[in-house]
């Protein structure tokens, strides 16, 4: 995955899925988003409920020039410290393949990861993230892992959470305080849901809200980037500490991956979606 060195666990959990794919549902879901009902009500630390704030949506497209990175692409909203309270989005899980350009590792394993997060770009001190890894080995076998992470600490897998190709996965992170967060992942295709509170060794700045696809790996060295096709984030929203909501159409910075002088991604961002495509 990412902006700073990370560790993401890799497991095998591939299964067939039935019915319309998440990519096929993408256009329909965006069109129907304005009338969609909340899918979950986050629980607070004392067992009560936190009200889910009303969102507003516009059709304004982010036209900012891209910024380049060797390891990640997507959209980032940056603001002063103590701005962002939560970030969420729904991804359509892709089927990764071995890229045509293999960077001299024809027999290796390739991977990518999609996540939403708070901090990690403007503020590199810490980052709270929820995401999914997609991995393909030299035989073409594919695996998926859902995870959460509070950088600089290691990522932790949701070991009993199943992810399949074309599933729709809701990713949600919330800063309960600078040192305590809530992470929720929900498989909207199967109904499976996991929620966990996490503590970080470094405090969040709450300056960045992000929707990212990037490198994944074990240890300090990420695995070579897989061809992840197209990863759409829909139902994208970020909530501020004052209760106001924002989205990537609000002047988000768009990032693209460049490796060995070649631009590997094409990212679009607007008020309802972020789409990162491997090119």
Protein backbone atom coordinates (compact mmCIF):
# COMPACT_ATOMS: atom_id res chain seq x y z
CA UNK A 1 0.00 0.00 0.00
CA UNK A 2 1.53 3.41 0.24
CA UNK A 3 2.87 6.77 1.18
CA UNK A 4 5.21 5.54 3.89
CA UNK A 5 6.60 2.04 4.58
CA UNK A 6 3.84 -0.36 5.57
CA UNK A 7 3.10 -3.95 6.29
CA UNK A 8 -0.01 -5.62 4.96
CA UNK A 9 -0.84 -9.28 5.57
CA UNK A 10 -1.54 -11.45 2.55
CA UNK A 11 -3.95 -14.39 2.74
CA UNK A 12 -5.77 -16.67 0.32
CA UNK A 13 -9.53 -16.23 0.17
CA UNK A 14 -10.84 -16.54 -3.36
CA UNK A 15 -14.38 -17.59 -4.17
CA UNK A 16 -16.90 -17.24 -6.96
CA UNK A 17 -19.68 -14.68 -6.70
CA UNK A 18 -23.11 -14.66 -8.27
CA UNK A 19 -25.42 -12.00 -9.59
CA UNK A 20 -24.52 -8.56 -10.96
CA UNK A 21 -20.92 -7.55 -10.38
CA UNK A 22 -19.96 -4.48 -8.39
CA UNK A 23 -18.62 -2.88 -11.56
CA UNK A 24 -21.94 -3.49 -13.31
CA UNK A 25 -23.78 -1.91 -10.40
CA UNK A 26 -21.44 1.08 -10.27
CA UNK A 27 -23.33 3.43 -12.62
CA UNK A 28 -26.70 2.52 -11.12
CA UNK A 29 -25.51 3.06 -7.56
CA UNK A 30 -24.05 6.47 -8.36
CA UNK A 31 -27.33 7.56 -9.98
CA UNK A 32 -29.37 6.33 -7.01
CA UNK A 33 -27.00 7.65 -4.31
CA UNK A 34 -29.07 10.71 -3.44
CA UNK A 35 -31.94 8.55 -2.14
CA UNK A 36 -29.86 5.73 -0.64
CA UNK A 37 -30.45 4.88 3.02
CA UNK A 38 -27.57 4.51 5.51
CA UNK A 39 -26.24 0.95 5.64
CA UNK A 40 -24.97 1.00 9.20
CA UNK A 41 -25.03 3.05 12.39
CA UNK A 42 -21.57 3.24 14.02
CA UNK A 43 -21.43 2.41 17.72
CA UNK A 44 -19.71 4.78 20.10
CA UNK A 45 -17.18 3.72 22.73
CA UNK A 46 -19.87 3.52 25.42
CA UNK A 47 -22.20 1.23 23.49
CA UNK A 48 -24.60 3.92 22.31
CA UNK A 49 -25.03 5.11 18.75
CA UNK A 50 -23.63 8.05 16.85
CA UNK A 51 -26.03 9.70 14.45
CA UNK A 52 -25.03 9.40 10.80
CA UNK A 53 -24.86 12.90 9.37
CA UNK A 54 -26.81 13.93 6.29
CA UNK A 55 -24.72 14.23 3.14
CA UNK A 56 -25.06 16.68 0.31
CA UNK A 57 -23.87 15.84 -3.20
CA UNK A 58 -23.01 17.93 -6.23
CA UNK A 59 -21.82 17.18 -9.74
CA UNK A 60 -18.73 19.37 -9.55
CA UNK A 61 -15.71 17.58 -10.92
CA UNK A 62 -12.21 17.97 -9.49
CA UNK A 63 -10.00 19.34 -12.26
CA UNK A 64 -6.80 19.76 -10.27
CA UNK A 65 -3.56 18.80 -11.99
CA UNK A 66 -2.18 15.45 -10.90
CA UNK A 67 0.63 15.03 -8.39
CA UNK A 68 2.90 12.03 -8.95
CA UNK A 69 3.99 9.30 -6.57
CA UNK A 70 5.96 6.08 -6.95
CA UNK A 71 3.54 4.09 -4.82
CA UNK A 72 -0.03 5.42 -4.72
CA UNK A 73 -2.81 7.02 -6.75
CA UNK A 74 -6.18 8.46 -5.79
CA UNK A 75 -7.66 11.60 -4.26
CA UNK A 76 -6.73 13.45 -1.07
CA UNK A 77 -8.49 16.33 0.66
CA UNK A 78 -6.02 18.30 2.79
CA UNK A 79 -6.96 20.86 5.44
CA UNK A 80 -5.63 22.36 8.68
CA UNK A 81 -5.07 20.10 11.67
CA UNK A 82 -8.09 18.76 13.55
CA UNK A 83 -10.36 19.01 10.49
CA UNK A 84 -11.30 15.44 9.51
CA UNK A 85 -13.39 13.22 11.71
CA UNK A 86 -14.26 10.33 9.36
CA UNK A 87 -13.77 9.07 5.81
CA UNK A 88 -15.67 6.41 3.88
CA UNK A 89 -16.20 4.88 0.47
CA UNK A 90 -17.40 1.70 -1.22
CA UNK A 91 -14.97 -0.10 -3.51
CA UNK A 92 -15.66 -2.64 -6.24
CA UNK A 93 -13.10 -5.42 -5.75
CA UNK A 94 -11.06 -5.99 -8.92
CA UNK A 95 -9.41 -9.12 -10.30
CA UNK A 96 -5.66 -8.37 -10.33
CA UNK A 97 -3.46 -9.66 -13.12
CA UNK A 98 0.25 -9.74 -13.85
CA UNK A 99 1.17 -6.50 -15.64
CA UNK A 100 2.76 -6.46 -19.08
CA UNK A 101 5.68 -4.49 -17.64
CA UNK A 102 7.00 -6.74 -14.90
CA UNK A 103 10.06 -4.81 -13.71
CA UNK A 104 12.33 -7.85 -14.11
CA UNK A 105 10.29 -10.00 -11.69
CA UNK A 106 8.52 -12.41 -14.07
CA UNK A 107 8.25 -15.19 -11.46
CA UNK A 108 7.18 -13.06 -8.54
CA UNK A 109 3.99 -12.04 -6.80
CA UNK A 110 2.20 -8.80 -7.68
CA UNK A 111 -0.17 -6.83 -5.49
CA UNK A 112 -2.15 -3.65 -5.00
CA UNK A 113 -4.28 -2.26 -2.22
CA UNK A 114 -7.28 0.07 -1.97
CA UNK A 115 -8.03 2.03 1.17
CA UNK A 116 -9.67 5.03 2.77
CA UNK A 117 -7.81 6.88 5.47
CA UNK A 118 -7.19 9.86 7.67
CA UNK A 119 -3.70 11.45 7.33
CA UNK A 120 -0.58 10.10 5.65
CA UNK A 121 0.09 12.80 3.03
CA UNK A 122 0.23 16.31 4.49
CA UNK A 123 0.63 14.76 7.92
CA UNK A 124 3.02 11.81 7.73
CA UNK A 125 3.25 11.34 11.50
CA UNK A 126 0.42 8.78 11.55
CA UNK A 127 -2.44 7.47 9.44
CA UNK A 128 -5.61 5.51 10.21
CA UNK A 129 -6.68 3.27 7.32
CA UNK A 130 -9.08 0.54 6.28
CA UNK A 131 -8.47 -1.34 3.06
CA UNK A 132 -8.33 -4.44 0.93
CA UNK A 133 -5.25 -6.06 -0.63
CA UNK A 134 -5.49 -7.82 -4.00
CA UNK A 135 -2.67 -10.23 -4.87
CA UNK A 136 -1.81 -12.37 -7.90
CA UNK A 137 1.04 -14.87 -8.04
CA UNK A 138 3.01 -16.12 -11.02
CA UNK A 139 0.47 -18.90 -11.65
CA UNK A 140 -2.38 -16.40 -11.84
CA UNK A 141 -3.89 -17.40 -8.47
CA UNK A 142 -5.61 -14.45 -6.79
CA UNK A 143 -6.07 -13.68 -3.10
CA UNK A 144 -7.70 -10.91 -1.08
CA UNK A 145 -7.28 -9.57 2.46
CA UNK A 146 -9.24 -6.88 4.31
CA UNK A 147 -7.15 -5.02 6.86
CA UNK A 148 -6.84 -1.98 9.11
CA UNK A 149 -3.76 -0.02 10.09
CA UNK A 150 -2.62 2.85 12.26
CA UNK A 151 0.70 3.89 10.80
CA UNK A 152 3.49 3.59 11.72
CA UNK A 153 2.21 0.39 13.39
CA UNK A 154 1.80 -2.78 11.36
CA UNK A 155 -1.39 -3.58 9.47
CA UNK A 156 -3.80 -6.08 11.01
CA UNK A 157 -5.90 -8.44 8.89
CA UNK A 158 -9.59 -9.08 9.46
CA UNK A 159 -8.87 -12.79 9.52
CA UNK A 160 -12.49 -13.99 9.32
CA UNK A 161 -13.65 -11.45 6.76
CA UNK A 162 -14.15 -12.89 3.27
CA UNK A 163 -13.55 -10.84 0.13
CA UNK A 164 -14.34 -12.08 -3.37
CA UNK A 165 -13.81 -10.59 -6.81
CA UNK A 166 -16.51 -8.04 -7.71
CA UNK A 167 -17.73 -7.69 -4.12
CA UNK A 168 -18.76 -4.24 -2.96
CA UNK A 169 -16.83 -3.40 0.22
CA UNK A 170 -17.68 -0.45 2.45
CA UNK A 171 -14.57 1.03 4.11
CA UNK A 172 -15.01 3.47 7.01
CA UNK A 173 -12.56 5.08 9.44
CA UNK A 174 -13.29 7.56 12.23
CA UNK A 175 -11.01 9.46 14.58
CA UNK A 176 -12.63 9.24 18.01
CA UNK A 177 -9.65 11.19 19.35
CA UNK A 178 -6.11 11.83 18.05
CA UNK A 179 -5.03 8.49 19.56
CA UNK A 180 -8.18 6.36 19.23
CA UNK A 181 -10.05 5.34 16.10
CA UNK A 182 -12.91 3.26 14.80
CA UNK A 183 -12.58 1.06 11.71
CA UNK A 184 -15.48 -0.63 9.96
CA UNK A 185 -15.49 -2.88 6.89
CA UNK A 186 -18.71 -4.28 5.46
CA UNK A 187 -19.12 -6.66 2.54
CA UNK A 188 -22.29 -5.29 1.00
CA UNK A 189 -22.46 -8.31 -1.33
CA UNK A 190 -22.52 -10.87 1.50
CA UNK A 191 -23.68 -8.82 4.49
CA UNK A 192 -20.56 -9.60 6.54
CA UNK A 193 -19.41 -6.76 8.80
CA UNK A 194 -16.43 -6.20 11.09
CA UNK A 195 -15.93 -3.23 13.42
CA UNK A 196 -12.98 -2.56 15.71
CA UNK A 197 -11.58 0.25 17.83
CA UNK A 198 -7.84 0.82 17.43
CA UNK A 199 -5.24 2.80 19.31
CA UNK A 200 -2.21 4.35 17.65
CA UNK A 201 1.30 4.87 18.95
CA UNK A 202 1.43 8.22 17.11
CA UNK A 203 -1.32 10.83 17.26
CA UNK A 204 -3.34 11.73 14.18
CA UNK A 205 -3.21 15.29 12.84
CA UNK A 206 -6.62 14.89 11.14
CA UNK A 207 -5.39 16.90 8.15
CA UNK A 208 -5.93 14.47 5.25
CA UNK A 209 -8.95 12.55 3.99
CA UNK A 210 -7.94 10.00 1.37
CA UNK A 211 -9.26 7.46 -1.16
CA UNK A 212 -6.24 5.56 -2.45
CA UNK A 213 -5.07 2.63 -4.57
CA UNK A 214 -1.41 1.81 -4.12
CA UNK A 215 1.37 -0.62 -3.49
CA UNK A 216 0.96 -3.48 -1.02
CA UNK A 217 3.51 -5.78 0.51
CA UNK A 218 5.20 -7.34 3.50
CA UNK A 219 7.93 -5.52 5.36
CA UNK A 220 9.53 -2.29 4.20
CA UNK A 221 9.66 -3.30 0.53
CA UNK A 222 6.31 -3.35 -1.30
CA UNK A 223 5.50 -6.05 -3.80
CA UNK A 224 5.57 -5.13 -7.51
CA UNK A 225 2.36 -3.40 -8.53
CA UNK A 226 -0.33 -5.66 -10.00
CA UNK A 227 -2.53 -4.62 -12.89
CA UNK A 228 -5.67 -3.91 -10.86
CA UNK A 229 -7.81 -2.84 -13.82
CA UNK A 230 -10.19 -0.20 -12.49
CA UNK A 231 -11.06 0.40 -8.84
CA UNK A 232 -14.07 2.68 -8.30
CA UNK A 233 -14.78 4.23 -4.92
CA UNK A 234 -18.42 5.31 -4.71
CA UNK A 235 -20.49 6.71 -1.84
CA UNK A 236 -17.39 8.77 -1.03
CA UNK A 237 -17.64 11.19 1.87
CA UNK A 238 -15.53 12.81 4.57
CA UNK A 239 -16.95 14.36 7.73
CA UNK A 240 -15.32 17.29 9.49
CA UNK A 241 -15.02 17.73 13.23
CA UNK A 242 -17.67 20.50 13.03
CA UNK A 243 -20.19 18.08 11.47
CA UNK A 244 -19.94 19.39 7.92
CA UNK A 245 -19.36 16.94 5.09
CA UNK A 246 -17.05 17.12 2.10
CA UNK A 247 -16.20 14.99 -0.90
CA UNK A 248 -13.36 14.61 -3.44
CA UNK A 249 -15.08 17.17 -5.70
CA UNK A 250 -14.09 19.82 -3.15
CA UNK A 251 -10.65 20.59 -4.60
CA UNK A 252 -9.05 17.23 -3.84
CA UNK A 253 -5.48 16.66 -4.94
CA UNK A 254 -5.33 13.86 -7.52
CA UNK A 255 -2.33 11.55 -7.38
CA UNK A 256 -0.98 9.22 -10.08
CA UNK A 257 1.62 6.44 -9.85
CA UNK A 258 4.79 6.91 -11.89
CA UNK A 259 7.46 4.21 -11.96
CA UNK A 260 10.59 4.23 -14.13
CA UNK A 261 9.29 7.33 -15.88
CA UNK A 262 6.00 5.65 -16.90
CA UNK A 263 2.61 6.85 -15.65
CA UNK A 264 0.78 3.68 -14.56
CA UNK A 265 -2.59 5.07 -13.47
CA UNK A 266 -5.39 7.36 -14.52
CA UNK A 267 -7.49 8.84 -11.70
CA UNK A 268 -10.72 10.81 -11.81
CA UNK A 269 -12.41 12.39 -8.81
CA UNK A 270 -15.71 14.19 -8.39
CA UNK A 271 -18.42 14.71 -5.77
CA UNK A 272 -19.70 11.13 -5.87
CA UNK A 273 -16.77 8.93 -6.89
CA UNK A 274 -13.04 8.39 -7.19
CA UNK A 275 -11.96 5.97 -9.93
CA UNK A 276 -8.36 4.74 -10.19
CA UNK A 277 -7.47 2.78 -13.33
CA UNK A 278 -4.29 0.93 -14.24
CA UNK A 279 -3.17 1.96 -17.74
